[in-house]
Amino acid sequence: MPLVELLDTKDQARVAVIKSLLEAEGIPFFIENEAFTAVQPLVGSLRVMVSEEHLETARTLISSIDN
């Protein structure tokens, strides 16, 4: 199952909300650089990765928090 990027951000609060939404919908995900940004929060960004088959559903979910 190849993963694709859903979001690239430095906003840890937004990522926490997105993680919660994805978990609630049962969408598997991976947060790239999560451990690194916990140590150095102002360096680098977090990449939320989902499988291609869940990408459109995940985009719809996160659009609900952007409106």
C-alpha atoms as a PDB file:
ATOM      1  CA  MET A   1       0.000   0.000   0.000  1.00  0.00           C
ATOM      2  CA  PRO A   2       1.924   3.072  -1.198  1.00  0.00           C
ATOM      3  CA  LEU A   3       1.524   6.199   0.887  1.00  0.00           C
ATOM      4  CA  VAL A   4       0.961   9.647  -0.563  1.00  0.00           C
ATOM      5  CA  GLU A   5       1.192  13.047   1.039  1.00  0.00           C
ATOM      6  CA  LEU A   6      -2.037  14.490   2.379  1.00  0.00           C
ATOM      7  CA  LEU A   7      -0.505  17.513   4.082  1.00  0.00           C
ATOM      8  CA  ASP A   8       2.860  19.136   4.817  1.00  0.00           C
ATOM      9  CA  THR A   9       2.747  21.620   7.692  1.00  0.00           C
ATOM     10  CA  LYS A  10       4.568  22.961  10.729  1.00  0.00           C
ATOM     11  CA  ASP A  11       1.279  23.380  12.617  1.00  0.00           C
ATOM     12  CA  GLN A  12       1.368  20.639  15.260  1.00  0.00           C
ATOM     13  CA  ALA A  13      -2.103  21.535  16.557  1.00  0.00           C
ATOM     14  CA  ARG A  14      -3.593  21.085  13.083  1.00  0.00           C
ATOM     15  CA  VAL A  15      -1.864  17.734  12.725  1.00  0.00           C
ATOM     16  CA  ALA A  16      -3.328  16.629  16.076  1.00  0.00           C
ATOM     17  CA  VAL A  17      -6.837  17.459  14.838  1.00  0.00           C
ATOM     18  CA  ILE A  18      -6.222  15.699  11.517  1.00  0.00           C
ATOM     19  CA  LYS A  19      -4.903  12.613  13.303  1.00  0.00           C
ATOM     20  CA  SER A  20      -8.062  12.531  15.387  1.00  0.00           C
ATOM     21  CA  LEU A  21     -10.284  12.817  12.293  1.00  0.00           C
ATOM     22  CA  LEU A  22      -8.406  10.095  10.428  1.00  0.00           C
ATOM     23  CA  GLU A  23      -8.502   7.758  13.430  1.00  0.00           C
ATOM     24  CA  ALA A  24     -12.253   8.341  13.862  1.00  0.00           C
ATOM     25  CA  GLU A  25     -12.826   7.366  10.214  1.00  0.00           C
ATOM     26  CA  GLY A  26     -10.521   4.344  10.410  1.00  0.00           C
ATOM     27  CA  ILE A  27      -8.143   5.752   7.796  1.00  0.00           C
ATOM     28  CA  PRO A  28      -4.604   4.449   8.277  1.00  0.00           C
ATOM     29  CA  PHE A  29      -1.963   7.161   8.258  1.00  0.00           C
ATOM     30  CA  PHE A  30       1.648   7.903   9.072  1.00  0.00           C
ATOM     31  CA  ILE A  31       3.112  11.180  10.318  1.00  0.00           C
ATOM     32  CA  GLU A  32       6.566  11.669   8.845  1.00  0.00           C
ATOM     33  CA  ASN A  33       9.028  13.582  11.071  1.00  0.00           C
ATOM     34  CA  GLU A  34       6.725  13.370  14.106  1.00  0.00           C
ATOM     35  CA  ALA A  35       9.443  12.188  16.481  1.00  0.00           C
ATOM     36  CA  PHE A  36      11.937  14.743  15.173  1.00  0.00           C
ATOM     37  CA  THR A  37       9.593  17.712  15.540  1.00  0.00           C
ATOM     38  CA  ALA A  38       8.789  16.626  19.099  1.00  0.00           C
ATOM     39  CA  VAL A  39      12.450  17.270  19.914  1.00  0.00           C
ATOM     40  CA  GLN A  40      12.938  20.288  17.617  1.00  0.00           C
ATOM     41  CA  PRO A  41       9.443  21.764  17.137  1.00  0.00           C
ATOM     42  CA  LEU A  42      10.523  24.775  15.083  1.00  0.00           C
ATOM     43  CA  VAL A  43      12.660  22.821  12.641  1.00  0.00           C
ATOM     44  CA  GLY A  44      11.208  20.941   9.712  1.00  0.00           C
ATOM     45  CA  SER A  45       7.632  20.092   8.970  1.00  0.00           C
ATOM     46  CA  LEU A  46       5.230  17.254   9.563  1.00  0.00           C
ATOM     47  CA  ARG A  47       3.989  15.252   6.599  1.00  0.00           C
ATOM     48  CA  VAL A  48       0.685  13.461   6.980  1.00  0.00           C
ATOM     49  CA  MET A  49       0.738  10.412   4.739  1.00  0.00           C
ATOM     50  CA  VAL A  50      -2.231   8.210   3.774  1.00  0.00           C
ATOM     51  CA  SER A  51      -2.738   5.412   1.300  1.00  0.00           C
ATOM     52  CA  GLU A  52      -3.765   6.422  -2.208  1.00  0.00           C
ATOM     53  CA  GLU A  53      -7.086   4.640  -1.820  1.00  0.00           C
ATOM     54  CA  HIS A  54      -8.009   6.879   1.150  1.00  0.00           C
ATOM     55  CA  LEU A  55      -6.617  10.148  -0.201  1.00  0.00           C
ATOM     56  CA  GLU A  56      -9.870  11.695  -1.453  1.00  0.00           C
ATOM     57  CA  THR A  57     -11.766  10.787   1.720  1.00  0.00           C
ATOM     58  CA  ALA A  58      -8.973  12.228   3.847  1.00  0.00           C
ATOM     59  CA  ARG A  59      -8.929  15.445   1.780  1.00  0.00           C
ATOM     60  CA  THR A  60     -12.663  15.819   2.300  1.00  0.00           C
ATOM     61  CA  LEU A  61     -12.224  15.332   6.046  1.00  0.00           C
ATOM     62  CA  ILE A  62      -9.525  17.950   6.422  1.00  0.00           C
ATOM     63  CA  SER A  63     -11.404  20.404   4.232  1.00  0.00           C
ATOM     64  CA  SER A  64     -14.104  20.399   6.903  1.00  0.00           C
ATOM     65  CA  ILE A  65     -11.659  21.950   9.408  1.00  0.00           C
ATOM     66  CA  ASP A  66     -10.386  24.496   6.916  1.00  0.00           C
ATOM     67  CA  ASN A  67     -13.812  26.044   6.378  1.00  0.00           C
END
